[in-house]
Amino acid sequence: MINKQQLLLTLSFIILNISLISSSCIDLRSKVQCSGSIGQFCGTIPDTNIESLCSTGLFCNPFYGECQPQSEKGGPCIYDKQCKGISTCRYGVCSEMIYGQLGQSCQQDHECGSGLDCMYNVCANPSSKCSSDIQCSFNQFCSSVTSTCSNRVGLGETCSDDTQKCQSNAICQLQHDGQSSICVAPFSVGLGGACSTSSVDFGVCDHTKGLLCNTTSNTCESVQDAASFMTSTPPTVNCNLETGSGCKVGESCLCSGNGQGRCFSQGQVTTTACGDASVAFYNCMNQNQCNSLVEFTESSCAIKNCGTLYCQKQKSCFSLSSTIYKSIVPSCSSGVAMVHTICDMIN
């Protein structure tokens, strides 16, 4: 995805992926502020380290150092950040990029996914060979052995990540014997079954039975039994390098003004809401034969057909991310991350 509002994305990356960026936990909210309306100053405030940002719908014009309106899709631009929503500046025009899957209508090459060209107004593979799954039809994958498109295998069949990929909306799951792998449906494995990921929005353990994957034993367990490996960092722990402590995998460090940090879970551990929303979204993707390897823009198959379900999944499974963004710069929050931008446009 092309970066927009570079500073905000940098701050978000720091919050979501790094426990601390210096010897003490820095309160990022003290380092940024919203400038407000059109024509007001933006950029680094003189004699301070505070970055003054433009409100949603505006961008900071570096030539004038002031906030100006963003362009709609198809409008004129010089910079990516000048384009509203998730458009990118291409040859002076705000455009959607690499959203088209095989067989989707197009007008120019940049609209098609990587590895596809716009041929006769349709995204197509320009070669008889392939190097990516995106160059194959929905029920096929690109074989790393033959560099040709091969049919995907169905549920219950033997699979591998290289030569026998599962059908869409299925997961190639290594079994307890450590040797064989079979295709299983998401959220379908019962208590004691094999699993290998604790992903909250695309795992194999049955969410309707309150199961999560214990990645230590690679076994689906009840949320209660799995508490030992899902235990979050206590709020008394200061997540910074000065104390030598940080957040666990799946957590983010949110800092206060006194140099202290507290770890928060990035996603909801409650399995029902997230699982239900994920099942609905992935079923929609499968029914509409939408490819997940292209960018999720307004014109992509995923957003056109399943956009509302996608945003519900993101909200149900990763709600804290939005909370963190909005706590930094509330009126600038829609430009922080693409997932929130596209969902703001839908909702």
Protein backbone atom coordinates (compact mmCIF):
# COMPACT_ATOMS: atom_id res chain seq x y z
CA MET A 1 0.00 0.00 0.00
CA ILE A 2 1.35 3.46 -0.81
CA ASN A 3 2.07 5.56 2.29
CA LYS A 4 -0.08 8.60 3.02
CA GLN A 5 0.32 11.11 5.85
CA GLN A 6 3.87 9.81 6.32
CA LEU A 7 4.35 11.07 9.84
CA LEU A 8 1.17 9.47 11.14
CA LEU A 9 2.01 6.15 9.53
CA THR A 10 5.46 6.29 11.11
CA LEU A 11 3.98 6.97 14.52
CA SER A 12 1.48 4.14 14.06
CA PHE A 13 4.24 1.73 13.10
CA ILE A 14 6.18 2.69 16.20
CA ILE A 15 3.17 2.19 18.45
CA LEU A 16 2.01 -1.09 16.95
CA ASN A 17 5.34 -2.80 16.42
CA ILE A 18 7.93 -1.48 18.83
CA SER A 19 7.80 -1.50 22.60
CA LEU A 20 9.84 1.69 22.86
CA ILE A 21 11.86 4.00 20.65
CA SER A 22 14.17 5.52 23.28
CA SER A 23 15.32 5.10 26.86
CA SER A 24 11.92 6.14 28.18
CA CYS A 25 8.41 5.80 26.87
CA ILE A 26 7.59 8.90 24.82
CA ASP A 27 4.06 10.26 24.82
CA LEU A 28 3.48 10.67 21.08
CA ARG A 29 0.35 12.68 21.74
CA SER A 30 2.55 15.53 22.99
CA LYS A 31 4.49 15.55 19.72
CA VAL A 32 1.63 16.18 17.31
CA GLN A 33 -1.40 18.41 17.03
CA CYS A 34 -4.02 19.14 14.42
CA SER A 35 -3.70 22.45 12.61
CA GLY A 36 -7.34 22.68 11.74
CA SER A 37 -8.83 24.46 8.76
CA ILE A 38 -7.71 25.47 5.27
CA GLY A 39 -4.85 27.95 5.13
CA GLN A 40 -3.53 27.33 8.63
CA PHE A 41 0.13 26.53 9.28
CA CYS A 42 1.37 22.93 9.17
CA GLY A 43 4.74 21.35 9.73
CA THR A 44 7.22 21.58 12.60
CA ILE A 45 6.34 24.48 14.86
CA PRO A 46 9.40 26.79 15.19
CA ASP A 47 11.50 26.29 18.34
CA THR A 48 9.58 23.11 19.23
CA ASN A 49 9.57 19.42 18.34
CA ILE A 50 5.82 19.48 17.81
CA GLU A 51 4.52 18.53 14.38
CA SER A 52 1.40 20.45 13.37
CA LEU A 53 -0.82 18.24 11.19
CA CYS A 54 -3.74 19.00 8.93
CA SER A 55 -7.25 17.86 9.76
CA THR A 56 -9.00 15.09 7.84
CA GLY A 57 -9.66 16.04 4.21
CA LEU A 58 -6.67 18.40 4.07
CA PHE A 59 -2.98 17.92 3.30
CA CYS A 60 0.12 19.91 4.20
CA ASN A 61 1.44 21.71 1.13
CA PRO A 62 5.24 21.85 1.66
CA PHE A 63 5.66 24.80 -0.68
CA TYR A 64 3.43 27.04 1.41
CA GLY A 65 3.53 25.27 4.78
CA GLU A 66 -0.23 25.41 5.07
CA CYS A 67 -3.23 23.07 4.97
CA GLN A 68 -5.01 22.77 1.65
CA PRO A 69 -7.92 20.58 0.43
CA GLN A 70 -7.14 17.09 -0.84
CA SER A 71 -8.16 16.09 -4.35
CA GLU A 72 -10.84 13.51 -5.08
CA LYS A 73 -10.05 10.46 -7.21
CA GLY A 74 -9.37 11.72 -10.74
CA GLY A 75 -8.34 15.16 -9.46
CA PRO A 76 -4.96 16.89 -9.91
CA CYS A 77 -2.04 16.16 -7.60
CA ILE A 78 1.70 16.40 -7.07
CA TYR A 79 2.05 14.26 -3.94
CA ASP A 80 0.40 11.04 -2.76
CA LYS A 81 -0.79 12.75 0.42
CA GLN A 82 -2.61 15.30 -1.72
CA CYS A 83 -5.08 12.60 -2.77
CA LYS A 84 -8.14 11.91 -0.64
CA GLY A 85 -8.87 8.47 0.72
CA ILE A 86 -6.68 5.68 -0.61
CA SER A 87 -5.87 7.14 -4.02
CA THR A 88 -2.26 7.59 -5.13
CA CYS A 89 -0.80 10.39 -7.23
CA ARG A 90 0.18 8.96 -10.62
CA TYR A 91 1.26 11.26 -13.46
CA GLY A 92 -0.47 14.20 -11.80
CA VAL A 93 -3.80 12.46 -11.26
CA CYS A 94 -5.19 10.87 -8.07
CA SER A 95 -5.69 7.24 -9.05
CA GLU A 96 -6.53 3.84 -7.61
CA MET A 97 -3.60 1.44 -7.88
CA ILE A 98 -3.10 -2.35 -8.30
CA TYR A 99 -6.63 -3.32 -7.29
CA GLY A 100 -7.67 -5.30 -10.35
CA GLN A 101 -7.59 -9.10 -10.27
CA LEU A 102 -7.43 -11.49 -13.22
CA GLY A 103 -10.37 -10.85 -15.54
CA GLN A 104 -11.39 -7.55 -13.96
CA SER A 105 -12.06 -4.59 -16.24
CA CYS A 106 -9.40 -1.88 -16.48
CA GLN A 107 -8.21 1.05 -18.52
CA GLN A 108 -4.50 1.21 -17.62
CA ASP A 109 -1.82 -1.21 -16.42
CA HIS A 110 -1.43 0.42 -13.00
CA GLU A 111 -4.99 -0.55 -12.13
CA CYS A 112 -4.17 -4.27 -12.32
CA GLY A 113 -2.49 -6.32 -9.63
CA SER A 114 1.25 -6.93 -9.71
CA GLY A 115 2.10 -9.36 -12.51
CA LEU A 116 -0.97 -8.46 -14.57
CA ASP A 117 -1.31 -6.08 -17.51
CA CYS A 118 -4.38 -4.27 -18.79
CA MET A 119 -4.99 -5.97 -22.14
CA TYR A 120 -8.06 -5.04 -24.18
CA ASN A 121 -9.53 -3.40 -21.06
CA VAL A 122 -9.18 -6.56 -18.95
CA CYS A 123 -6.51 -7.43 -16.36
CA ALA A 124 -4.64 -10.40 -17.84
CA ASN A 125 -1.46 -12.42 -17.48
CA PRO A 126 0.83 -11.29 -20.32
CA SER A 127 2.72 -14.61 -20.22
CA SER A 128 1.90 -18.30 -20.52
CA LYS A 129 3.92 -18.82 -17.33
CA CYS A 130 3.23 -17.45 -13.85
CA SER A 131 5.24 -16.23 -10.88
CA SER A 132 2.40 -15.37 -8.50
CA ASP A 133 -1.01 -16.77 -7.57
CA ILE A 134 -2.56 -13.50 -8.69
CA GLN A 135 -1.83 -14.50 -12.31
CA CYS A 136 -4.06 -17.57 -11.98
CA SER A 137 -7.83 -18.00 -11.86
CA PHE A 138 -9.61 -18.04 -8.51
CA ASN A 139 -9.51 -21.83 -8.05
CA GLN A 140 -5.89 -22.15 -9.14
CA PHE A 141 -2.43 -21.32 -7.81
CA CYS A 142 0.98 -20.77 -9.39
CA SER A 143 3.12 -23.89 -8.97
CA SER A 144 6.65 -23.04 -7.86
CA VAL A 145 7.84 -26.20 -9.62
CA THR A 146 6.34 -25.72 -13.09
CA SER A 147 5.61 -21.94 -13.05
CA THR A 148 2.18 -22.75 -14.41
CA CYS A 149 -1.30 -22.46 -12.92
CA SER A 150 -2.56 -25.64 -11.23
CA ASN A 151 -5.89 -26.52 -9.62
CA ARG A 152 -6.17 -26.05 -5.87
CA VAL A 153 -6.98 -29.07 -3.67
CA GLY A 154 -10.18 -29.38 -1.65
CA LEU A 155 -11.02 -29.74 2.04
CA GLY A 156 -9.60 -32.88 3.64
CA GLU A 157 -7.02 -33.39 0.91
CA THR A 158 -3.25 -33.47 1.38
CA CYS A 159 -1.66 -30.09 0.81
CA SER A 160 1.58 -28.13 0.82
CA ASP A 161 2.42 -24.44 0.56
CA ASP A 162 4.40 -24.96 -2.64
CA THR A 163 2.95 -27.72 -4.81
CA GLN A 164 -0.59 -28.44 -3.54
CA LYS A 165 -2.25 -25.30 -2.25
CA CYS A 166 -5.71 -25.41 -0.67
CA GLN A 167 -8.78 -23.89 -2.22
CA SER A 168 -9.60 -20.34 -1.24
CA ASN A 169 -11.02 -19.95 2.26
CA ALA A 170 -9.14 -23.02 3.51
CA ILE A 171 -5.95 -23.47 5.50
CA CYS A 172 -3.18 -26.03 4.93
CA GLN A 173 -2.78 -27.35 8.48
CA LEU A 174 0.15 -29.48 9.66
CA GLN A 175 -1.14 -32.40 11.73
CA HIS A 176 0.08 -33.62 15.12
CA ASP A 177 2.31 -36.24 13.50
CA GLY A 178 4.47 -33.38 12.24
CA GLN A 179 4.57 -34.92 8.77
CA SER A 180 1.22 -34.63 6.99
CA SER A 181 -0.81 -31.52 6.18
CA ILE A 182 -4.45 -31.36 5.10
CA CYS A 183 -6.80 -28.60 3.99
CA VAL A 184 -9.20 -27.53 6.74
CA ALA A 185 -11.89 -24.87 6.84
CA PRO A 186 -11.26 -21.82 9.05
CA PHE A 187 -12.62 -22.10 12.60
CA SER A 188 -13.56 -25.77 12.12
CA VAL A 189 -11.09 -27.71 14.30
CA GLY A 190 -12.37 -29.00 17.63
CA LEU A 191 -10.84 -29.34 21.08
CA GLY A 192 -7.45 -31.05 20.95
CA GLY A 193 -7.11 -30.67 17.20
CA ALA A 194 -3.96 -29.51 15.46
CA CYS A 195 -3.33 -25.80 14.87
CA SER A 196 -0.31 -23.62 14.27
CA THR A 197 -1.37 -19.99 14.49
CA SER A 198 -3.01 -17.82 17.14
CA SER A 199 -4.36 -15.44 14.49
CA VAL A 200 -7.65 -14.07 15.76
CA ASP A 201 -9.18 -13.46 12.34
CA PHE A 202 -8.08 -16.47 10.27
CA GLY A 203 -7.36 -19.50 12.44
CA VAL A 204 -8.51 -23.13 12.41
CA CYS A 205 -9.84 -23.52 15.97
CA ASP A 206 -13.64 -23.48 16.36
CA HIS A 207 -14.55 -20.03 17.69
CA THR A 208 -18.15 -21.09 18.41
CA LYS A 209 -16.78 -23.41 21.11
CA GLY A 210 -14.50 -20.76 22.57
CA LEU A 211 -11.30 -22.35 21.29
CA LEU A 212 -7.95 -20.72 20.61
CA CYS A 213 -4.65 -22.12 19.38
CA ASN A 214 -1.99 -22.77 21.99
CA THR A 215 1.05 -22.20 19.79
CA THR A 216 3.29 -23.90 22.33
CA SER A 217 1.57 -27.27 21.95
CA ASN A 218 -0.02 -26.48 18.55
CA THR A 219 -3.36 -27.61 19.94
CA CYS A 220 -6.83 -26.05 20.00
CA GLU A 221 -7.75 -25.36 23.63
CA SER A 222 -10.54 -23.57 25.44
CA VAL A 223 -9.93 -19.92 26.22
CA GLN A 224 -9.84 -20.76 29.93
CA ASP A 225 -7.30 -23.58 29.51
CA ALA A 226 -5.24 -21.44 27.18
CA ALA A 227 -5.08 -18.57 29.66
CA SER A 228 -1.48 -19.31 30.57
CA PHE A 229 -0.15 -18.58 27.09
CA MET A 230 -2.61 -15.75 26.37
CA THR A 231 -1.95 -13.87 29.62
CA SER A 232 -1.33 -10.22 28.88
CA THR A 233 1.45 -8.11 30.32
CA PRO A 234 0.42 -6.70 33.74
CA PRO A 235 -0.46 -2.98 33.71
CA THR A 236 2.26 -2.38 36.31
CA VAL A 237 4.99 -3.30 33.81
CA ASN A 238 6.64 -0.27 32.22
CA CYS A 239 7.23 -1.15 28.59
CA ASN A 240 10.48 0.59 27.81
CA LEU A 241 14.15 -0.18 27.28
CA GLU A 242 15.18 1.59 30.47
CA THR A 243 13.56 -1.12 32.59
CA GLY A 244 14.51 -3.88 30.16
CA SER A 245 10.89 -4.93 29.80
CA GLY A 246 8.52 -4.83 26.86
CA CYS A 247 5.22 -6.05 25.53
CA LYS A 248 4.40 -9.59 24.47
CA VAL A 249 3.65 -10.67 20.94
CA GLY A 250 0.25 -9.29 19.94
CA GLU A 251 0.54 -6.27 22.24
CA SER A 252 1.40 -2.61 21.74
CA CYS A 253 2.98 -0.08 24.07
CA LEU A 254 0.91 3.05 24.65
CA CYS A 255 2.75 5.74 26.56
CA SER A 256 1.66 8.37 29.06
CA GLY A 257 3.17 11.76 29.73
CA ASN A 258 5.34 10.65 32.66
CA GLY A 259 7.64 8.36 30.69
CA GLN A 260 5.70 5.24 31.65
CA GLY A 261 4.23 2.78 29.20
CA ARG A 262 1.46 0.19 29.41
CA CYS A 263 0.95 -2.83 27.17
CA PHE A 264 -2.41 -3.30 25.45
CA SER A 265 -3.62 -6.23 23.36
CA GLN A 266 -3.72 -5.36 19.65
CA GLY A 267 -6.70 -7.60 19.02
CA GLN A 268 -9.68 -8.94 20.89
CA VAL A 269 -9.11 -12.33 22.51
CA THR A 270 -12.88 -12.85 22.69
CA THR A 271 -13.40 -15.39 19.96
CA THR A 272 -17.10 -15.13 19.16
CA ALA A 273 -17.42 -11.60 17.73
CA CYS A 274 -14.16 -11.78 15.81
CA GLY A 275 -14.78 -15.32 14.56
CA ASP A 276 -18.33 -14.61 13.39
CA ALA A 277 -17.23 -11.47 11.55
CA SER A 278 -14.28 -13.26 9.96
CA VAL A 279 -16.39 -16.20 8.76
CA ALA A 280 -18.90 -13.82 7.17
CA PHE A 281 -16.17 -11.85 5.38
CA TYR A 282 -14.22 -14.85 4.07
CA ASN A 283 -17.41 -16.57 2.92
CA CYS A 284 -18.30 -13.43 0.99
CA MET A 285 -14.84 -13.33 -0.57
CA ASN A 286 -15.19 -16.96 -1.61
CA GLN A 287 -18.70 -16.54 -3.03
CA ASN A 288 -17.64 -13.55 -5.10
CA GLN A 289 -14.29 -15.12 -6.03
CA CYS A 290 -12.36 -12.11 -4.75
CA ASN A 291 -8.57 -12.29 -4.67
CA SER A 292 -6.93 -11.07 -1.46
CA LEU A 293 -3.56 -10.41 -3.14
CA VAL A 294 -4.58 -7.07 -4.65
CA GLU A 295 -4.99 -3.75 -2.86
CA PHE A 296 -8.32 -3.22 -1.11
CA THR A 297 -9.55 -0.04 -2.79
CA GLU A 298 -13.01 1.22 -3.72
CA SER A 299 -12.96 -0.62 -7.04
CA SER A 300 -11.46 -3.88 -5.76
CA CYS A 301 -13.62 -7.00 -5.76
CA ALA A 302 -13.25 -7.32 -1.98
CA ILE A 303 -14.47 -3.83 -1.14
CA LYS A 304 -17.16 -3.63 -3.82
CA ASN A 305 -18.74 -6.92 -2.75
CA CYS A 306 -17.67 -7.43 0.86
CA GLY A 307 -16.57 -4.00 2.08
CA THR A 308 -19.02 -3.71 4.96
CA LEU A 309 -18.14 -7.21 6.17
CA TYR A 310 -14.42 -6.42 5.89
CA CYS A 311 -14.75 -3.34 8.07
CA GLN A 312 -16.85 -5.25 10.58
CA LYS A 313 -14.11 -7.89 10.78
CA GLN A 314 -11.44 -5.26 11.33
CA LYS A 315 -13.55 -3.58 13.99
CA SER A 316 -14.35 -6.85 15.77
CA CYS A 317 -10.85 -8.29 15.66
CA PHE A 318 -8.56 -5.28 15.87
CA SER A 319 -10.56 -2.56 17.57
CA LEU A 320 -7.72 -1.36 19.78
CA SER A 321 -5.70 -0.13 16.82
CA SER A 322 -8.41 2.44 16.07
CA THR A 323 -8.52 3.44 19.74
CA ILE A 324 -4.77 4.04 19.76
CA TYR A 325 -4.87 6.10 16.57
CA LYS A 326 -7.70 8.29 17.77
CA SER A 327 -5.98 8.86 21.13
CA ILE A 328 -3.02 10.41 19.32
CA VAL A 329 -4.71 12.96 17.06
CA PRO A 330 -8.51 12.55 17.10
CA SER A 331 -9.43 14.87 14.24
CA CYS A 332 -6.59 13.56 12.06
CA SER A 333 -7.27 9.89 12.69
CA SER A 334 -8.77 8.95 9.33
CA GLY A 335 -5.45 9.56 7.58
CA VAL A 336 -3.44 7.39 9.94
CA ALA A 337 -3.87 4.00 8.32
CA MET A 338 -5.37 2.74 5.09
CA VAL A 339 -7.67 0.24 6.74
CA HIS A 340 -9.42 3.03 8.59
CA THR A 341 -9.47 5.25 5.51
CA ILE A 342 -11.29 2.71 3.35
CA CYS A 343 -13.71 1.90 6.15
CA ASP A 344 -14.38 5.58 6.77
CA MET A 345 -15.26 5.87 3.07
CA ILE A 346 -17.59 2.88 3.22
CA ASN A 347 -19.30 3.86 6.46
